[in-house]
Structure formats: C-alpha cells, structure tokens
Protein backbone atom coordinates (compact mmCIF):
# COMPACT_ATOMS: atom_id res chain seq x y z
CA LEU A 1 37.29 219.05 145.70
CA GLY A 2 38.15 215.92 143.75
CA ARG A 3 41.08 213.58 143.35
CA ARG A 4 42.63 211.36 140.71
CA ARG A 5 44.18 208.08 141.79
CA SER A 6 46.53 205.94 139.71
CA SER A 7 47.35 202.25 139.87
CA GLN A 8 51.02 203.10 139.24
CA PRO A 9 53.06 203.97 142.37
CA PRO A 10 55.12 207.20 142.21
CA GLN A 11 58.70 206.75 141.06
CA ARG A 12 61.35 207.54 143.66
CA SER A 13 65.09 207.94 143.37
CA PRO A 14 67.02 204.84 144.41
CA ARG A 15 68.60 204.94 147.86
CA ARG A 16 72.05 203.66 148.73
CA LEU A 17 71.90 200.28 150.41
CA PHE A 18 74.63 198.74 152.56
CA SER A 19 74.87 194.97 152.79
CA GLY A 20 76.76 195.03 156.13
CA ARG A 21 74.96 195.04 159.43
CA GLY A 22 74.92 198.32 161.26
CA ILE A 23 73.01 200.70 163.49
CA SER A 24 70.57 203.39 162.51
CA PRO A 25 71.52 207.10 162.54
CA GLY A 26 69.18 207.81 165.44
CA LEU A 27 70.53 204.92 167.49
CA GLY A 28 74.16 205.83 166.75
CA LEU A 29 73.83 209.50 167.63
CA GLY A 30 71.63 208.81 170.63
CA SER A 31 74.01 206.21 172.04
CA GLY A 32 77.00 208.50 171.47
CA LEU A 33 75.33 211.48 173.16
CA GLY A 34 74.27 209.36 176.11
CA LEU A 35 77.76 207.91 176.51
CA GLY A 36 79.39 211.34 176.15
CA LEU A 37 77.11 212.97 178.71
CA GLY A 38 77.69 210.10 181.12
CA LEU A 39 81.51 210.25 180.77
CA GLY A 40 81.55 214.01 180.95
CA PHE A 41 79.47 214.03 184.10
CA GLY A 42 81.68 211.37 185.66
CA LEU A 43 84.83 213.37 184.85
CA GLY A 44 83.32 216.59 186.14
CA GLN A 45 83.34 218.38 182.78
CA GLY A 46 81.03 221.21 181.82
CA PHE A 47 77.91 220.79 179.70
CA ILE A 48 79.51 222.09 176.47
CA ALA A 49 82.42 219.68 176.82
CA MET A 50 80.03 216.82 177.50
CA LEU A 51 77.97 217.75 174.41
CA ARG A 52 81.06 217.86 172.18
CA LEU A 53 82.23 214.50 173.49
CA GLY A 54 78.80 212.97 172.91
CA LEU A 55 78.55 214.29 169.34
CA GLY A 56 82.03 213.03 168.57
CA LEU A 57 81.29 209.55 169.86
CA GLY A 58 77.93 209.45 168.07
CA LEU A 59 79.43 210.44 164.71
CA GLY A 60 82.18 207.91 165.18
CA LEU A 61 79.69 205.12 165.81
CA LEU A 62 77.63 206.22 162.81
CA LEU A 63 80.61 206.20 160.41
CA LEU A 64 82.00 202.89 161.65
CA SER A 65 78.63 201.09 161.50
CA PRO A 66 76.65 202.03 158.34
CA CYS A 67 72.94 201.45 158.45
CA ASP A 68 70.91 199.76 155.74
CA GLY A 69 69.51 202.99 154.26
CA PHE A 70 66.16 202.61 156.01
CA GLY A 71 67.21 203.45 159.61
CA ARG A 72 66.95 199.85 160.81
CA VAL A 73 69.38 197.73 162.80
CA GLY A 74 70.71 195.42 160.08
CA LEU A 75 68.41 193.91 157.49
CA ARG A 76 65.73 191.40 158.25
CA PRO A 77 66.12 188.09 156.37
CA LEU A 78 64.78 188.20 152.82
CA ARG A 79 62.36 185.57 151.58
CA LEU A 80 63.37 184.43 148.12
CA ALA A 81 61.78 181.92 145.76
CA ARG A 82 58.44 181.83 147.67
CA GLY A 83 60.19 181.35 150.99
CA ALA A 84 61.93 178.14 149.97
CA LEU A 85 65.32 179.82 150.34
CA ARG A 86 66.21 182.20 153.14
CA MET A 87 69.35 184.31 152.87
CA SER A 88 70.71 187.07 155.05
CA GLU A 89 72.18 190.21 153.56
CA ASP A 90 75.67 188.93 154.26
CA ASP A 91 75.21 186.27 151.55
CA LEU A 92 74.24 188.78 148.82
CA SER A 93 76.07 191.36 146.78
CA ASP A 94 74.68 194.88 146.66
CA ASP A 95 73.10 194.18 143.23
CA GLU A 96 71.53 190.93 144.44
CA LEU A 97 70.25 192.62 147.57
CA LEU A 98 68.71 195.45 145.56
CA ALA A 99 67.05 192.94 143.20
CA ALA A 100 65.66 191.00 146.16
CA LEU A 101 64.30 194.17 147.77
CA ARG A 102 62.67 195.16 144.48
CA ALA A 103 61.05 191.73 144.20
CA GLU A 104 59.77 192.02 147.76
CA LYS A 105 58.38 195.49 147.02
CA GLN A 106 56.72 194.19 143.84
CA ALA A 107 55.06 191.37 145.77
CA THR A 108 53.74 193.94 148.27
CA GLN A 109 52.35 196.02 145.40
CA ASP A 110 50.74 192.93 143.83
CA ASN A 111 48.97 192.02 147.07
CA TRP A 112 47.88 195.64 147.53
CA GLN A 113 46.24 195.49 144.08
CA LEU A 114 44.33 192.37 145.11
CA SER A 115 43.31 194.04 148.38
CA GLN A 116 41.60 196.82 146.37
CA LEU A 117 39.51 194.23 144.57
CA LYS A 118 38.70 192.52 147.87
CA THR A 119 37.54 195.78 149.43
CA TRP A 120 35.22 196.93 146.65
CA HIS A 121 34.43 194.08 144.27
CA VAL A 122 34.72 190.68 145.93
CA ALA A 123 31.20 189.32 146.53
CA ASP A 124 29.32 186.28 145.33
CA ASP A 125 25.93 187.91 144.84
CA TRP A 126 26.21 190.73 142.29
CA ARG A 127 22.87 190.83 140.44
CA GLY A 128 21.42 193.16 137.85
CA SER A 129 21.14 193.61 134.11
CA THR A 130 23.27 193.66 130.98
CA GLN A 131 22.58 196.01 128.06
CA VAL A 132 24.24 195.04 124.76
CA PHE A 133 25.15 197.51 122.00
CA LEU A 134 25.75 196.49 118.37
CA PRO A 135 26.64 198.45 115.21
CA ASN A 136 24.10 199.27 112.51
CA ASP A 137 24.88 198.77 108.84
CA ASP A 138 25.77 202.47 108.62
CA GLY A 139 28.29 202.18 111.48
CA ALA A 140 26.13 203.86 114.13
CA TRP A 141 25.69 202.06 117.44
CA LYS A 142 22.32 200.95 118.76
CA ALA A 143 21.02 199.42 121.98
CA ALA A 144 20.21 195.79 121.30
CA ASP A 145 18.99 193.20 123.80
CA SER A 146 18.90 193.67 127.56
CA PHE A 147 18.63 190.79 130.02
CA SER A 148 19.07 189.83 133.66
CA SER A 149 22.56 188.81 134.72
CA SER A 150 24.62 187.99 137.77
CA SER A 151 28.30 187.69 138.60
CA ALA A 152 30.59 186.66 141.41
CA PHE A 153 34.09 187.87 142.31
CA THR A 154 35.47 185.45 144.90
CA ILE A 155 38.85 184.57 146.43
CA ASN A 156 40.24 181.05 146.14
CA ARG A 157 43.16 179.92 148.31
CA PRO A 158 44.70 176.75 146.79
CA ALA A 159 46.91 174.79 149.17
CA GLY A 160 50.55 175.71 148.66
CA SER A 161 49.75 178.33 145.99
CA PRO A 162 49.03 182.07 146.00
CA GLN A 163 45.45 183.14 146.52
CA GLU A 164 43.58 183.99 143.33
CA LEU A 165 40.59 186.01 142.20
CA VAL A 166 37.91 183.86 140.53
CA VAL A 167 35.27 185.52 138.31
CA THR A 168 32.04 183.85 137.17
CA GLU A 169 29.05 185.24 135.24
CA GLN A 170 25.54 183.99 134.48
CA ASN A 171 23.09 185.54 132.03
CA ASP A 172 19.44 185.04 131.12
CA ALA A 173 20.31 185.69 127.47
CA ALA A 174 18.49 182.84 125.72
CA GLY A 175 17.60 183.99 122.22
CA ALA A 176 19.37 187.34 122.62
CA ASP A 177 21.35 188.83 119.75
CA VAL A 178 24.72 188.99 121.49
CA PRO A 179 28.18 187.53 120.76
CA ALA A 180 28.77 184.51 123.00
CA ARG A 181 32.19 185.75 124.14
CA LEU A 182 30.60 188.87 125.62
CA LEU A 183 28.60 186.70 128.02
CA ASP A 184 31.69 185.05 129.52
CA PRO A 185 33.99 186.58 132.14
CA THR A 186 36.72 188.72 130.63
CA VAL A 187 39.17 186.71 132.72
CA ALA A 188 38.29 183.68 134.84
CA LYS A 189 41.22 183.67 137.31
CA LEU A 190 43.85 186.16 138.43
CA THR A 191 46.77 185.74 140.83
CA PRO A 192 48.39 188.77 142.50
CA ALA A 193 51.46 188.43 140.25
CA LEU A 194 49.28 189.20 137.21
CA LEU A 195 47.92 192.45 138.68
CA ARG A 196 50.58 194.53 136.97
CA ALA A 197 50.57 197.12 134.20
CA ALA A 198 52.75 194.98 131.93
CA ALA A 199 50.27 192.09 132.22
CA GLY A 200 47.27 194.35 131.57
CA TYR A 201 45.36 193.87 134.85
CA GLN A 202 45.22 196.52 137.56
CA ALA A 203 43.01 197.99 140.27
CA VAL A 204 42.94 201.36 141.99
CA ALA A 205 40.53 202.03 144.87
CA LYS A 206 36.99 201.51 143.53
CA GLY A 207 38.10 201.00 139.91
CA TYR A 208 39.75 198.18 137.98
CA SER A 209 40.48 196.98 134.44
CA PHE A 210 40.92 193.49 132.94
CA TRP A 211 41.54 192.17 129.43
CA SER A 212 41.84 188.89 127.53
CA GLY A 213 42.62 187.68 124.03
CA GLY A 214 45.37 187.98 121.44
CA ASP A 215 48.46 190.09 121.88
CA ALA A 216 49.42 193.18 119.90
CA ALA A 217 50.44 192.55 116.28
CA ALA A 218 51.53 194.40 113.17
CA MET A 219 48.87 195.94 110.96
CA ASP A 220 49.50 193.37 108.22
CA ALA A 221 49.37 190.35 110.56
CA PRO A 222 46.40 190.59 112.94
CA PRO A 223 46.16 187.87 115.60
CA ALA A 224 43.44 185.27 115.32
CA ASP A 225 42.03 185.84 118.80
CA GLU A 226 39.25 188.18 119.85
CA VAL A 227 40.18 190.77 122.47
CA MET A 228 37.94 191.85 125.32
CA LEU A 229 38.56 194.85 127.56
CA GLU A 230 36.72 195.57 130.80
CA VAL A 231 36.61 198.48 133.23
CA GLY A 232 34.49 198.69 136.37
CA ILE A 233 33.59 200.94 139.29
CA ALA A 234 31.97 199.84 142.56
CA VAL A 235 30.42 202.14 145.16
CA GLU A 236 29.05 200.64 148.36
CA ASP A 237 26.64 197.96 147.08
CA ALA A 238 26.33 199.22 143.48
CA ARG A 239 28.59 198.57 140.52
CA VAL A 240 28.89 199.41 136.80
CA ARG A 241 31.04 197.45 134.35
CA LEU A 242 31.85 198.10 130.69
CA LYS A 243 32.86 195.13 128.53
CA ALA A 244 34.08 195.77 124.97
CA LEU A 245 34.69 193.02 122.38
CA TYR A 246 37.15 193.44 119.49
CA ALA A 247 37.53 191.00 116.58
CA PRO A 248 40.45 190.64 114.14
CA VAL A 249 39.74 192.12 110.70
CA PRO A 250 41.89 192.43 107.55
CA GLU A 251 42.16 196.23 107.69
CA ALA A 252 43.22 196.51 111.36
CA PRO A 253 44.56 194.35 114.18
CA HIS A 254 41.16 194.53 115.90
CA LYS A 255 37.82 196.26 115.40
CA LEU A 256 35.08 196.93 117.96
CA THR A 257 32.19 194.53 117.27
CA ALA A 258 30.04 194.81 120.41
CA PHE A 259 30.04 196.16 123.95
CA ALA A 260 27.89 195.82 127.02
CA ILE A 261 27.04 197.88 130.09
CA VAL A 262 26.46 195.80 133.21
CA ARG A 263 24.62 197.42 136.12
CA GLU A 264 24.67 195.45 139.37
CA ARG A 265 23.86 195.55 143.04
CA ARG A 266 24.95 193.20 145.77
CA ASN A 267 22.00 190.85 146.23
CA GLY A 268 20.13 193.04 143.80
CA GLY A 269 17.53 190.54 142.75
CA ASP A 270 16.75 189.89 139.09
CA ALA A 271 15.64 193.39 138.19
CA ALA A 272 16.62 194.41 134.68
CA VAL A 273 14.93 197.80 135.01
CA TRP A 274 16.38 200.38 137.40
CA GLU A 275 13.53 202.87 137.56
CA GLY A 276 13.94 205.20 140.52
CA ASP A 277 17.35 203.85 141.51
CA ALA A 278 19.57 206.81 142.45
CA ALA A 279 22.70 205.02 141.24
CA PHE A 280 21.38 203.99 137.83
CA ASP A 281 18.27 205.99 136.92
CA GLY A 282 18.41 209.68 136.10
CA ALA A 283 19.66 212.20 133.59
CA THR A 284 21.84 211.22 130.65
CA GLY A 285 25.58 211.31 131.20
CA LYS A 286 27.22 214.70 130.56
CA GLY A 287 30.50 213.53 129.04
CA LEU A 288 33.80 212.61 130.64
CA TYR A 289 34.77 214.82 133.56
CA ASP A 290 38.50 214.54 132.74
CA PRO A 291 38.93 213.29 129.14
CA PRO A 292 42.25 211.46 128.70
CA SER A 293 44.55 212.37 125.81
CA VAL A 294 44.32 209.91 122.91
CA SER A 295 45.74 209.66 119.40
CA GLY A 296 43.88 208.77 116.23
CA GLU A 297 41.15 211.39 115.81
CA GLY A 298 37.83 209.79 114.91
CA ALA A 299 38.89 206.35 116.12
CA ASP A 300 36.79 206.56 119.29
CA ILE A 301 33.08 206.50 120.01
CA SER A 302 31.25 208.14 122.90
CA LEU A 303 27.93 206.99 124.29
CA TYR A 304 25.64 208.75 126.75
CA GLU A 305 23.35 206.62 128.90
CA LYS A 306 21.45 207.27 132.12
CA ARG A 307 24.05 208.55 134.61
CA LEU A 308 26.81 207.16 132.38
CA THR A 309 29.23 208.33 129.73
CA LEU A 310 31.62 205.94 128.06
CA ARG A 311 34.31 206.36 125.45
CA LEU A 312 36.23 203.57 123.79
CA PRO A 313 38.38 203.04 120.69
CA THR A 314 36.85 201.44 117.63
CA VAL A 315 40.07 199.87 116.29
CA GLY A 316 43.16 198.26 117.78
CA GLY A 317 46.85 198.63 117.01
CA SER A 318 49.52 200.93 118.37
CA GLN A 319 48.00 204.14 119.69
CA ILE A 320 47.82 206.34 122.75
CA GLY A 321 44.37 205.24 123.77
CA ALA A 322 41.96 204.82 126.65
CA VAL A 323 38.75 203.10 127.61
CA SER A 324 36.82 205.44 129.90
CA LEU A 325 33.67 205.13 131.99
CA ASP A 326 32.13 208.13 133.79
CA TRP A 327 29.40 207.39 136.34
CA THR A 328 27.34 209.77 138.47
CA ALA A 329 26.25 207.52 141.32
CA ASP A 330 23.74 209.51 143.36
CA THR A 331 25.69 212.49 144.79
CA MET A 332 29.20 211.41 143.71
CA ARG A 333 30.80 211.24 140.29
CA TYR A 334 33.48 208.74 139.26
CA GLN A 335 35.57 208.19 136.16
CA VAL A 336 37.81 205.19 135.52
CA ASP A 337 40.32 205.13 132.63
CA ARG A 338 42.29 202.22 131.22
CA LYS A 339 45.22 203.93 129.46
CA PHE A 340 47.39 202.04 126.99
CA ARG A 341 49.70 202.20 123.99
CA GLU A 342 48.49 198.88 122.56
CA LEU A 343 44.83 197.89 122.68
CA ALA A 344 45.73 194.27 123.45
CA GLY A 345 48.02 193.45 126.33
CA GLY A 346 49.75 195.70 128.83
CA LEU A 347 48.52 199.09 129.94
CA THR A 348 50.21 202.27 131.12
CA SER A 349 47.89 202.85 134.09
CA VAL A 350 44.38 202.55 135.48
CA GLU A 351 43.18 205.85 136.93
CA LEU A 352 40.15 206.80 138.98
CA VAL A 353 38.63 210.26 139.51
CA GLU A 354 36.32 210.91 142.47
CA ILE A 355 34.45 214.20 142.93
CA SER A 356 31.04 215.27 144.18
CA ALA A 357 28.50 215.64 141.39
CA ALA A 358 27.80 219.24 142.42
CA ASP A 359 31.48 220.24 142.41
CA ALA A 360 32.01 218.58 139.03
CA GLU A 361 29.53 221.05 137.52
CA ILE A 362 31.56 224.12 138.46
CA HIS A 363 35.15 223.00 139.02
CA PRO A 364 37.22 221.60 136.13
CA PRO A 365 40.02 219.10 136.91
CA ASP A 366 43.12 220.92 138.20
CA TRP A 367 45.73 218.16 138.48
C-alpha cells in the first residue's frame, strides 16, 4: 500500500575477503566436473564414478584457489586517492584491502545520493512562491509576507574536480518582513562526498534534507552562527520545500525564529497564488501520516496548511528530533523526515513515505 525509504543503506555482516587471486566457486566446481566427466568417459568409467571424480577435482580446485568473497576471478584493480595511485590486491594487506573496498563502496553511495537529486530536483527553472511564518509576541506563529520566488538546482563539473550541486535562489521580497538569511540558499554548493549522514546532507528518492550554520554546542556555550534546516519533496514538475531558521539565544543553543514554505513548479511562471492547482490547493493538511518519535515534549510545533502538514522543533541542543513535511500532492501522499540527535550538524537518516492519498485514510503505517 505504501512504503518508507531511508537514505541509510541496510547494514550487512562483513564477508571474508582473500587478497590472493583465485577462481570463483562456480568456475572451480564447473571446471572440476567437466574435467572429471571427460576423464571418466575417456577411461570408460560409469556415470557415478565420473561424477565422483568431477566433484573431487572441483573441490580440490576450490580449496587450492580461494576466491575473493564475491565469486569473481581475482580482484579488479582498486582506484585509490582519486585514481592517482593504482594498486592490485597483491600489494595490500587484508585490512588495507577491506578499507579500500569500503572507501570504494562509500564513493558509490555518495554518487547514488547525488543521482537522486539529479533525477528529481536538478532544474534551472523552479518558479513559485514563498510564504514566511513569524512568531507573535505571545509565541504563536502567524503567516507573514508571501512573495514570488525562483530557484535553480544545477550540476557543475569543474575540470579535475568532482561534480557538484549548485543551488541559487531569487526572491521578489522587497519590503517584506523576513530575515535576510531565509532568502538565501541553505547551502550553495555540495559535492558527493558531503552527501552523508555525518555531514548532515542526504537524499532519498524524491526527498532530501540540507543544513547550514554553527555546529552543536553545550547549553551554556551556544555558537554564534544561525542554523538553517531544509527538507524538500519533488513530484514530477511540482515541489515543496520547508526552510527553518534558528538563532542562538542565551537560554538554548538555538531557537526557531522564522520558517518558510516554498511551493514551486518547473517553469511555473511568477504565480504566487495556487488557486485550483491539484498539487498545492485543497483541504488543510491532516497531520503527519507516520509521526517520528521525538524527545522533549512541547518542544515542537505543528502547522497545517493547504495540502501540507509540517512539524519542527522550536529549540536546538541534544535531542531525538525530526523536521517533518507531509504533502498530499493530488492523488499521492508523501512525508519526508530529517531525523537527528543534534539540531545542528549530522543527521541519523532522511526518510520518505509514499502512499496513495486514499489508502492513507484507511491504512495506518505497518513497517
């Protein structure tokens, strides 16, 4: 009915690796059986004798020539230090080989993360509107100014360097009551090596999350930098982004000071009103479909907008927390969560739920 995707790959038990060249199990047994059957036929032996001879030769070849743990003939050369140094497995110890394989796997995961952004978010003509929310004197949140905006997610390929994601934003916010930092991109450039949980940037299918600002700090020594968190979901040519701005205050490492909802379409014109748009106009959001577990009761706010529900923490510091955005886009419903243990910095995972809007009404999450 629905599915939850995570930016973190499943953990698997380590497999034994052999640094020596060898043959795969299938090749060893197959060669042994073929040789045994051929010898047995040539010597005039019966089928059972030929089978026994083949199995014996195959097992012997398998034991004398260990494979690399992946069923391949030897190991292909490993590219280390960006390809500047090439070493075969014969030059590495088992620990060095394992470290090199892990680095290669990490690079593959990094590039996969970037490929998710390329598939769903990279475009130079996102256009729409930004709605800003600010706190009242009594602590309640109100909708403030709304204005036309545009953004571009593009790929830059510097000569001799890894490709990078470049983010730009433009806003028609002259005279608007909005913090200047909220108008800028959360992050201007990202290389694949930064698209990791520890760095705080990740993507999963249609969803992603970025951050920028100061790092986590003790309650009595808040950092001087503002922190901005962002989550987004893209579906076909429509996209919703949530940007939340936190400022350092004496009583906490960071406190929520403003946030914005950005609604966009590819080549969407300058429309700041989405009347009749099936992705953006409709009933008020009904809450989070699959609320994540958080600590610190009362330290989060929830907001219900047309087709949207969002929940985000009001203060920073060490906590089991999440920034969540639930969006019913026409007939499908999506929820993206940025899960963390520190508001600023690394995250534990970015997760995306996809389910039909009709099924979400009658079927609770079962994972």
